[in-house]
Amino acid sequence: MNASSSSDDDDAPGASTWEGEDETSESSGDSNAAGERALRVEAAATKRLSLSERLRRLDAAAAAAPPPPPPPRGVKTKRRRRDAATPPGRASKNAPAEASSRRRPPAPRRLGADAQRRDPRFDALSTGGDAAAATRRYAFLAEREKEELKASRAYLKTKRGRRDAAARGDYERRVSKQRQREHDERRRAVTARFRREERSKVKKTGKAPYYTKRSVLKGAVAQDRFADLKNRGKLGAFLAKRGRRAGLLEKGARKQGNDPAR
């Protein structure tokens, strides 16, 4: 009776131990199953998310992760040439260069934005090269320029105009261009007259053509200019001004030791 009771007492702890192990295994199995179910549910939910949402979550997880610990002192680490997050420029040295999609491309440059505008009517390529015809066609421009010069001359005589150096310089430049243009027109007219006379002589008498020298043309231009000044009554003032200028030039030459009378 006692033996049976002792054997029952000996078997009791063992039975309780096996029962506890069974309960632990059942609880761990339940927890593993619950974890697997949670992972499956999370994976299914992740698959239903869009690609941008997945990338956002991955970036958030990477940002929340602690940074790697620094290397201990005394340990030399190999310096990397570029950051790991930066993609390489190209896959190999033979591949073409790749532009980053994170950087905005430069604004396109407008071709011909700095080109200078021109008037084709005054272009030598579009005109026939007839200077006389162009002068006749645009004679109104010369008349308008004379009116503008007259207004500028009246402005320079005022108190404010006498102190305006820029306006005076512009007026002098325009007057100089006008005089040069008149001189060119007079020389062109004299040259055309000589050519007409020589052409008529060759046609009528059959003489050999004679090409006028530059000195002869220059003298003819001067005579034509004097005749024009005489008709306008300005020849005396012109000769007086020219004499004063010649006297000043002679006086300056004497001061420099180059006396023309010697």
C-alpha atoms as a PDB file:
ATOM      1  CA  MET A   1       0.000   0.000   0.000  1.00  0.00           C
ATOM      2  CA  ASN A   2       2.804   2.288   0.907  1.00  0.00           C
ATOM      3  CA  ALA A   3       4.813   1.249  -2.134  1.00  0.00           C
ATOM      4  CA  SER A   4       1.996   2.021  -4.434  1.00  0.00           C
ATOM      5  CA  SER A   5       1.529   5.374  -2.807  1.00  0.00           C
ATOM      6  CA  SER A   6       5.238   6.155  -3.103  1.00  0.00           C
ATOM      7  CA  SER A   7       5.252   5.181  -6.755  1.00  0.00           C
ATOM      8  CA  ASP A   8       2.267   7.413  -7.311  1.00  0.00           C
ATOM      9  CA  ASP A   9       4.110  10.232  -5.573  1.00  0.00           C
ATOM     10  CA  ASP A  10       7.201   9.642  -7.733  1.00  0.00           C
ATOM     11  CA  ASP A  11       5.162   9.725 -10.941  1.00  0.00           C
ATOM     12  CA  ALA A  12       3.324  12.938 -10.033  1.00  0.00           C
ATOM     13  CA  PRO A  13       6.184  15.449 -10.624  1.00  0.00           C
ATOM     14  CA  GLY A  14       7.087  13.907 -13.969  1.00  0.00           C
ATOM     15  CA  ALA A  15       3.561  14.093 -15.133  1.00  0.00           C
ATOM     16  CA  SER A  16       3.353  17.756 -14.183  1.00  0.00           C
ATOM     17  CA  THR A  17       6.603  18.507 -16.063  1.00  0.00           C
ATOM     18  CA  TRP A  18       5.356  16.947 -19.275  1.00  0.00           C
ATOM     19  CA  GLU A  19       2.113  18.782 -18.943  1.00  0.00           C
ATOM     20  CA  GLY A  20       3.984  22.148 -18.566  1.00  0.00           C
ATOM     21  CA  GLU A  21       6.111  21.446 -21.640  1.00  0.00           C
ATOM     22  CA  ASP A  22       3.012  20.683 -23.664  1.00  0.00           C
ATOM     23  CA  GLU A  23       1.436  23.955 -22.610  1.00  0.00           C
ATOM     24  CA  THR A  24       4.631  25.924 -23.504  1.00  0.00           C
ATOM     25  CA  SER A  25       4.863  24.307 -26.924  1.00  0.00           C
ATOM     26  CA  GLU A  26       1.215  25.016 -27.602  1.00  0.00           C
ATOM     27  CA  SER A  27       1.609  28.696 -26.572  1.00  0.00           C
ATOM     28  CA  SER A  28       4.775  29.127 -28.683  1.00  0.00           C
ATOM     29  CA  GLY A  29       3.057  27.497 -31.649  1.00  0.00           C
ATOM     30  CA  ASP A  30       0.124  29.832 -31.265  1.00  0.00           C
ATOM     31  CA  SER A  31       2.442  32.865 -31.114  1.00  0.00           C
ATOM     32  CA  ASN A  32       4.380  31.722 -34.207  1.00  0.00           C
ATOM     33  CA  ALA A  33       1.153  31.178 -36.098  1.00  0.00           C
ATOM     34  CA  ALA A  34      -0.075  34.608 -35.043  1.00  0.00           C
ATOM     35  CA  GLY A  35       3.221  36.181 -36.165  1.00  0.00           C
ATOM     36  CA  GLU A  36       3.054  34.417 -39.518  1.00  0.00           C
ATOM     37  CA  ARG A  37      -0.531  35.549 -39.970  1.00  0.00           C
ATOM     38  CA  ALA A  38       0.484  39.133 -39.138  1.00  0.00           C
ATOM     39  CA  LEU A  39       3.359  38.983 -41.658  1.00  0.00           C
ATOM     40  CA  ARG A  40       1.030  37.631 -44.331  1.00  0.00           C
ATOM     41  CA  VAL A  41      -1.501  40.357 -43.616  1.00  0.00           C
ATOM     42  CA  GLU A  42       1.235  43.043 -43.735  1.00  0.00           C
ATOM     43  CA  ALA A  43       2.636  41.621 -46.983  1.00  0.00           C
ATOM     44  CA  ALA A  44      -0.823  41.606 -48.549  1.00  0.00           C
ATOM     45  CA  ALA A  45      -1.413  45.168 -47.390  1.00  0.00           C
ATOM     46  CA  THR A  46       1.989  46.209 -48.759  1.00  0.00           C
ATOM     47  CA  LYS A  47       1.192  44.676 -52.144  1.00  0.00           C
ATOM     48  CA  ARG A  48      -1.977  46.725 -52.297  1.00  0.00           C
ATOM     49  CA  LEU A  49      -0.002  49.940 -51.737  1.00  0.00           C
ATOM     50  CA  SER A  50       1.262  52.025 -54.639  1.00  0.00           C
ATOM     51  CA  LEU A  51       4.915  52.153 -55.596  1.00  0.00           C
ATOM     52  CA  SER A  52       5.332  55.693 -54.301  1.00  0.00           C
ATOM     53  CA  GLU A  53       3.884  54.715 -50.921  1.00  0.00           C
ATOM     54  CA  ARG A  54       6.251  51.736 -50.711  1.00  0.00           C
ATOM     55  CA  LEU A  55       9.232  53.924 -51.512  1.00  0.00           C
ATOM     56  CA  ARG A  56       8.100  56.479 -48.950  1.00  0.00           C
ATOM     57  CA  ARG A  57       7.870  53.821 -46.262  1.00  0.00           C
ATOM     58  CA  LEU A  58      11.283  52.431 -47.170  1.00  0.00           C
ATOM     59  CA  ASP A  59      12.793  55.919 -46.980  1.00  0.00           C
ATOM     60  CA  ALA A  60      11.130  56.517 -43.618  1.00  0.00           C
ATOM     61  CA  ALA A  61      12.463  53.214 -42.286  1.00  0.00           C
ATOM     62  CA  ALA A  62      15.962  54.007 -43.551  1.00  0.00           C
ATOM     63  CA  ALA A  63      15.835  57.456 -41.949  1.00  0.00           C
ATOM     64  CA  ALA A  64      14.631  56.010 -38.640  1.00  0.00           C
ATOM     65  CA  ALA A  65      17.423  53.431 -38.581  1.00  0.00           C
ATOM     66  CA  PRO A  66      20.358  54.422 -36.348  1.00  0.00           C
ATOM     67  CA  PRO A  67      23.520  55.527 -38.177  1.00  0.00           C
ATOM     68  CA  PRO A  68      26.422  53.083 -38.278  1.00  0.00           C
ATOM     69  CA  PRO A  69      28.961  53.505 -35.482  1.00  0.00           C
ATOM     70  CA  PRO A  70      32.146  55.396 -36.385  1.00  0.00           C
ATOM     71  CA  PRO A  71      35.321  53.358 -36.842  1.00  0.00           C
ATOM     72  CA  PRO A  72      37.607  53.169 -33.831  1.00  0.00           C
ATOM     73  CA  ARG A  73      40.579  55.467 -33.597  1.00  0.00           C
ATOM     74  CA  GLY A  74      43.758  54.313 -35.200  1.00  0.00           C
ATOM     75  CA  VAL A  75      41.964  52.295 -37.846  1.00  0.00           C
ATOM     76  CA  LYS A  76      42.385  53.699 -41.356  1.00  0.00           C
ATOM     77  CA  THR A  77      39.397  53.344 -43.618  1.00  0.00           C
ATOM     78  CA  LYS A  78      39.454  53.588 -47.391  1.00  0.00           C
ATOM     79  CA  ARG A  79      37.850  56.833 -48.529  1.00  0.00           C
ATOM     80  CA  ARG A  80      35.133  56.295 -51.076  1.00  0.00           C
ATOM     81  CA  ARG A  81      35.138  58.491 -54.153  1.00  0.00           C
ATOM     82  CA  ARG A  82      31.385  59.063 -54.174  1.00  0.00           C
ATOM     83  CA  ASP A  83      28.424  58.614 -51.854  1.00  0.00           C
ATOM     84  CA  ALA A  84      26.623  55.287 -51.988  1.00  0.00           C
ATOM     85  CA  ALA A  85      23.285  57.024 -52.553  1.00  0.00           C
ATOM     86  CA  THR A  86      24.635  58.852 -55.624  1.00  0.00           C
ATOM     87  CA  PRO A  87      24.329  56.727 -58.753  1.00  0.00           C
ATOM     88  CA  PRO A  88      27.424  56.440 -60.926  1.00  0.00           C
ATOM     89  CA  GLY A  89      27.743  58.604 -64.021  1.00  0.00           C
ATOM     90  CA  ARG A  90      27.828  55.638 -66.384  1.00  0.00           C
ATOM     91  CA  ALA A  91      27.936  51.878 -66.141  1.00  0.00           C
ATOM     92  CA  SER A  92      31.310  51.519 -67.870  1.00  0.00           C
ATOM     93  CA  LYS A  93      33.910  53.723 -69.483  1.00  0.00           C
ATOM     94  CA  ASN A  94      32.599  52.801 -72.938  1.00  0.00           C
ATOM     95  CA  ALA A  95      28.998  53.707 -72.125  1.00  0.00           C
ATOM     96  CA  PRO A  96      27.687  57.212 -72.839  1.00  0.00           C
ATOM     97  CA  ALA A  97      27.379  59.677 -69.986  1.00  0.00           C
ATOM     98  CA  GLU A  98      24.094  59.647 -68.086  1.00  0.00           C
ATOM     99  CA  ALA A  99      22.369  62.781 -66.818  1.00  0.00           C
ATOM    100  CA  SER A 100      20.817  62.708 -63.384  1.00  0.00           C
ATOM    101  CA  SER A 101      17.019  62.860 -63.285  1.00  0.00           C
ATOM    102  CA  ARG A 102      17.166  64.695 -59.954  1.00  0.00           C
ATOM    103  CA  ARG A 103      18.681  67.805 -61.521  1.00  0.00           C
ATOM    104  CA  ARG A 104      16.642  70.209 -63.603  1.00  0.00           C
ATOM    105  CA  PRO A 105      17.943  70.544 -67.165  1.00  0.00           C
ATOM    106  CA  PRO A 106      19.178  74.002 -68.203  1.00  0.00           C
ATOM    107  CA  ALA A 107      16.849  76.358 -69.990  1.00  0.00           C
ATOM    108  CA  PRO A 108      17.105  76.152 -73.775  1.00  0.00           C
ATOM    109  CA  ARG A 109      19.132  78.955 -75.325  1.00  0.00           C
ATOM    110  CA  ARG A 110      17.348  81.092 -77.862  1.00  0.00           C
ATOM    111  CA  LEU A 111      19.313  81.136 -81.075  1.00  0.00           C
ATOM    112  CA  GLY A 112      19.461  84.443 -82.851  1.00  0.00           C
ATOM    113  CA  ALA A 113      18.323  86.474 -79.845  1.00  0.00           C
ATOM    114  CA  ASP A 114      21.320  88.812 -80.112  1.00  0.00           C
ATOM    115  CA  ALA A 115      21.160  89.201 -83.877  1.00  0.00           C
ATOM    116  CA  GLN A 116      21.217  92.781 -85.113  1.00  0.00           C
ATOM    117  CA  ARG A 117      18.247  93.855 -87.166  1.00  0.00           C
ATOM    118  CA  ARG A 118      18.878  95.439 -90.545  1.00  0.00           C
ATOM    119  CA  ASP A 119      16.871  97.185 -93.207  1.00  0.00           C
ATOM    120  CA  PRO A 120      17.095  95.203 -96.471  1.00  0.00           C
ATOM    121  CA  ARG A 121      16.453  98.365 -98.498  1.00  0.00           C
ATOM    122  CA  PHE A 122      19.926  99.657 -97.619  1.00  0.00           C
ATOM    123  CA  ASP A 123      21.696  96.323 -98.023  1.00  0.00           C
ATOM    124  CA  ALA A 124      24.150  96.016-100.905  1.00  0.00           C
ATOM    125  CA  LEU A 125      22.979  92.453-101.579  1.00  0.00           C
ATOM    126  CA  SER A 126      19.360  93.425-102.160  1.00  0.00           C
ATOM    127  CA  THR A 127      19.964  96.622-104.135  1.00  0.00           C
ATOM    128  CA  GLY A 128      21.254  97.000-107.648  1.00  0.00           C
ATOM    129  CA  GLY A 129      24.172  99.192-106.625  1.00  0.00           C
ATOM    130  CA  ASP A 130      22.852 102.294-108.394  1.00  0.00           C
ATOM    131  CA  ALA A 131      23.836 105.062-105.985  1.00  0.00           C
ATOM    132  CA  ALA A 132      22.245 107.809-108.077  1.00  0.00           C
ATOM    133  CA  ALA A 133      18.885 106.029-108.139  1.00  0.00           C
ATOM    134  CA  ALA A 134      19.038 105.445-104.388  1.00  0.00           C
ATOM    135  CA  THR A 135      19.858 109.114-103.817  1.00  0.00           C
ATOM    136  CA  ARG A 136      16.877 110.205-105.901  1.00  0.00           C
ATOM    137  CA  ARG A 137      14.584 107.673-104.261  1.00  0.00           C
ATOM    138  CA  TYR A 138      15.499 108.714-100.710  1.00  0.00           C
ATOM    139  CA  ALA A 139      15.988 112.425-101.269  1.00  0.00           C
ATOM    140  CA  PHE A 140      13.395 113.145 -98.576  1.00  0.00           C
ATOM    141  CA  LEU A 141      15.807 111.808 -95.950  1.00  0.00           C
ATOM    142  CA  ALA A 142      18.330 114.529 -96.763  1.00  0.00           C
ATOM    143  CA  GLU A 143      15.624 117.188 -96.448  1.00  0.00           C
ATOM    144  CA  ARG A 144      14.516 115.786 -93.117  1.00  0.00           C
ATOM    145  CA  GLU A 145      18.102 115.708 -91.873  1.00  0.00           C
ATOM    146  CA  LYS A 146      18.525 119.376 -92.784  1.00  0.00           C
ATOM    147  CA  GLU A 147      15.453 120.218 -90.705  1.00  0.00           C
ATOM    148  CA  GLU A 148      16.812 118.239 -87.759  1.00  0.00           C
ATOM    149  CA  LEU A 149      20.189 119.982 -88.006  1.00  0.00           C
ATOM    150  CA  LYS A 150      18.433 123.348 -88.084  1.00  0.00           C
ATOM    151  CA  ALA A 151      16.519 122.440 -84.905  1.00  0.00           C
ATOM    152  CA  SER A 152      19.727 121.235 -83.248  1.00  0.00           C
ATOM    153  CA  ARG A 153      21.510 124.471 -84.181  1.00  0.00           C
ATOM    154  CA  ALA A 154      18.699 126.492 -82.607  1.00  0.00           C
ATOM    155  CA  TYR A 155      18.862 124.363 -79.449  1.00  0.00           C
ATOM    156  CA  LEU A 156      22.635 124.831 -79.125  1.00  0.00           C
ATOM    157  CA  LYS A 157      22.171 128.611 -79.152  1.00  0.00           C
ATOM    158  CA  THR A 158      20.034 128.468 -76.003  1.00  0.00           C
ATOM    159  CA  LYS A 159      21.434 128.677 -72.478  1.00  0.00           C
ATOM    160  CA  ARG A 160      20.818 125.021 -71.805  1.00  0.00           C
ATOM    161  CA  GLY A 161      22.180 123.929 -75.178  1.00  0.00           C
ATOM    162  CA  ARG A 162      25.475 125.775 -74.679  1.00  0.00           C
ATOM    163  CA  ARG A 163      26.176 123.531 -71.676  1.00  0.00           C
ATOM    164  CA  ASP A 164      25.112 120.309 -73.413  1.00  0.00           C
ATOM    165  CA  ALA A 165      28.413 118.852 -74.619  1.00  0.00           C
ATOM    166  CA  ALA A 166      26.827 115.599 -75.842  1.00  0.00           C
ATOM    167  CA  ALA A 167      24.343 117.443 -78.071  1.00  0.00           C
ATOM    168  CA  ARG A 168      27.126 119.630 -79.491  1.00  0.00           C
ATOM    169  CA  GLY A 169      29.285 116.602 -80.272  1.00  0.00           C
ATOM    170  CA  ASP A 170      26.371 114.852 -81.983  1.00  0.00           C
ATOM    171  CA  TYR A 171      25.627 117.994 -84.018  1.00  0.00           C
ATOM    172  CA  GLU A 172      29.245 118.311 -85.164  1.00  0.00           C
ATOM    173  CA  ARG A 173      29.374 114.658 -86.197  1.00  0.00           C
ATOM    174  CA  ARG A 174      26.193 114.946 -88.223  1.00  0.00           C
ATOM    175  CA  VAL A 175      27.386 118.142 -89.907  1.00  0.00           C
ATOM    176  CA  SER A 176      30.686 116.481 -90.790  1.00  0.00           C
ATOM    177  CA  LYS A 177      28.865 113.503 -92.312  1.00  0.00           C
ATOM    178  CA  GLN A 178      26.609 115.830 -94.283  1.00  0.00           C
ATOM    179  CA  ARG A 179      29.599 117.730 -95.700  1.00  0.00           C
ATOM    180  CA  GLN A 180      31.333 114.503 -96.632  1.00  0.00           C
ATOM    181  CA  ARG A 181      28.178 113.240 -98.330  1.00  0.00           C
ATOM    182  CA  GLU A 182      27.850 116.477-100.315  1.00  0.00           C
ATOM    183  CA  HIS A 183      31.508 116.261-101.334  1.00  0.00           C
ATOM    184  CA  ASP A 184      31.040 112.653-102.497  1.00  0.00           C
ATOM    185  CA  GLU A 185      27.947 113.590-104.496  1.00  0.00           C
ATOM    186  CA  ARG A 186      29.764 116.516-106.130  1.00  0.00           C
ATOM    187  CA  ARG A 187      32.742 114.320-107.029  1.00  0.00           C
ATOM    188  CA  ARG A 188      30.426 111.642-108.420  1.00  0.00           C
ATOM    189  CA  ALA A 189      28.602 114.216-110.535  1.00  0.00           C
ATOM    190  CA  VAL A 190      31.865 115.669-111.888  1.00  0.00           C
ATOM    191  CA  THR A 191      33.190 112.200-112.712  1.00  0.00           C
ATOM    192  CA  ALA A 192      29.970 111.291-114.521  1.00  0.00           C
ATOM    193  CA  ARG A 193      30.143 114.546-116.518  1.00  0.00           C
ATOM    194  CA  PHE A 194      33.728 113.881-117.619  1.00  0.00           C
ATOM    195  CA  ARG A 195      32.824 110.345-118.645  1.00  0.00           C
ATOM    196  CA  ARG A 196      29.834 111.514-120.693  1.00  0.00           C
ATOM    197  CA  GLU A 197      31.949 114.095-122.504  1.00  0.00           C
ATOM    198  CA  GLU A 198      34.714 111.585-123.210  1.00  0.00           C
ATOM    199  CA  ARG A 199      32.212 108.963-124.378  1.00  0.00           C
ATOM    200  CA  SER A 200      30.593 111.423-126.776  1.00  0.00           C
ATOM    201  CA  LYS A 201      33.996 112.435-128.189  1.00  0.00           C
ATOM    202  CA  VAL A 202      34.965 108.798-128.731  1.00  0.00           C
ATOM    203  CA  LYS A 203      31.639 108.118-130.421  1.00  0.00           C
ATOM    204  CA  LYS A 204      31.701 111.200-132.686  1.00  0.00           C
ATOM    205  CA  THR A 205      35.374 111.535-133.653  1.00  0.00           C
ATOM    206  CA  GLY A 206      36.575 107.988-133.044  1.00  0.00           C
ATOM    207  CA  LYS A 207      39.476 109.114-130.844  1.00  0.00           C
ATOM    208  CA  ALA A 208      41.082 106.801-128.332  1.00  0.00           C
ATOM    209  CA  PRO A 209      39.459 106.922-124.886  1.00  0.00           C
ATOM    210  CA  TYR A 210      41.167 109.128-122.320  1.00  0.00           C
ATOM    211  CA  TYR A 211      40.876 108.303-118.646  1.00  0.00           C
ATOM    212  CA  THR A 212      40.877 111.449-116.546  1.00  0.00           C
ATOM    213  CA  LYS A 213      43.539 111.709-113.863  1.00  0.00           C
ATOM    214  CA  ARG A 214      42.662 112.095-110.227  1.00  0.00           C
ATOM    215  CA  SER A 215      44.330 115.506-110.042  1.00  0.00           C
ATOM    216  CA  VAL A 216      42.139 116.791-112.888  1.00  0.00           C
ATOM    217  CA  LEU A 217      39.023 115.447-111.193  1.00  0.00           C
ATOM    218  CA  LYS A 218      40.084 117.028-107.906  1.00  0.00           C
ATOM    219  CA  GLY A 219      40.515 120.448-109.561  1.00  0.00           C
ATOM    220  CA  ALA A 220      37.165 120.131-111.306  1.00  0.00           C
ATOM    221  CA  VAL A 221      35.473 119.302-107.998  1.00  0.00           C
ATOM    222  CA  ALA A 222      37.052 122.390-106.401  1.00  0.00           C
ATOM    223  CA  GLN A 223      35.896 124.616-109.261  1.00  0.00           C
ATOM    224  CA  ASP A 224      32.374 123.225-108.969  1.00  0.00           C
ATOM    225  CA  ARG A 225      32.405 123.913-105.239  1.00  0.00           C
ATOM    226  CA  PHE A 226      33.572 127.509-105.752  1.00  0.00           C
ATOM    227  CA  ALA A 227      30.862 128.044-108.346  1.00  0.00           C
ATOM    228  CA  ASP A 228      28.231 126.763-105.926  1.00  0.00           C
ATOM    229  CA  LEU A 229      29.498 129.052-103.138  1.00  0.00           C
ATOM    230  CA  LYS A 230      29.506 132.027-105.523  1.00  0.00           C
ATOM    231  CA  ASN A 231      25.912 131.356-106.524  1.00  0.00           C
ATOM    232  CA  ARG A 232      24.876 131.282-102.862  1.00  0.00           C
ATOM    233  CA  GLY A 233      26.920 134.396-102.024  1.00  0.00           C
ATOM    234  CA  LYS A 234      29.222 132.633 -99.560  1.00  0.00           C
ATOM    235  CA  LEU A 235      32.443 132.613-101.551  1.00  0.00           C
ATOM    236  CA  GLY A 236      33.932 135.690 -99.812  1.00  0.00           C
ATOM    237  CA  ALA A 237      33.342 134.292 -96.325  1.00  0.00           C
ATOM    238  CA  PHE A 238      34.773 130.955 -97.387  1.00  0.00           C
ATOM    239  CA  LEU A 239      37.960 132.515 -98.814  1.00  0.00           C
ATOM    240  CA  ALA A 240      38.392 134.713 -95.728  1.00  0.00           C
ATOM    241  CA  LYS A 241      38.064 131.718 -93.460  1.00  0.00           C
ATOM    242  CA  ARG A 242      40.464 129.796 -95.625  1.00  0.00           C
ATOM    243  CA  GLY A 243      42.967 132.688 -95.527  1.00  0.00           C
ATOM    244  CA  ARG A 244      42.789 132.866 -91.750  1.00  0.00           C
ATOM    245  CA  ARG A 245      43.349 129.148 -91.572  1.00  0.00           C
ATOM    246  CA  ALA A 246      46.313 129.364 -93.942  1.00  0.00           C
ATOM    247  CA  GLY A 247      47.773 132.190 -91.829  1.00  0.00           C
ATOM    248  CA  LEU A 248      47.409 130.146 -88.677  1.00  0.00           C
ATOM    249  CA  LEU A 249      49.056 127.172 -90.337  1.00  0.00           C
ATOM    250  CA  GLU A 250      51.945 129.362 -91.556  1.00  0.00           C
ATOM    251  CA  LYS A 251      52.353 130.875 -88.089  1.00  0.00           C
ATOM    252  CA  GLY A 252      52.437 127.439 -86.494  1.00  0.00           C
ATOM    253  CA  ALA A 253      55.019 126.259 -89.017  1.00  0.00           C
ATOM    254  CA  ARG A 254      57.261 129.257 -88.214  1.00  0.00           C
ATOM    255  CA  LYS A 255      57.048 128.535 -84.491  1.00  0.00           C
ATOM    256  CA  GLN A 256      58.197 124.982 -85.121  1.00  0.00           C
ATOM    257  CA  GLY A 257      61.143 126.243 -87.206  1.00  0.00           C
ATOM    258  CA  ASN A 258      59.782 125.115 -90.571  1.00  0.00           C
ATOM    259  CA  ASP A 259      59.438 128.460 -92.336  1.00  0.00           C
ATOM    260  CA  PRO A 260      57.940 127.813 -95.790  1.00  0.00           C
ATOM    261  CA  ALA A 261      59.525 131.074 -97.129  1.00  0.00           C
ATOM    262  CA  ARG A 262      63.054 129.741 -96.663  1.00  0.00           C
END
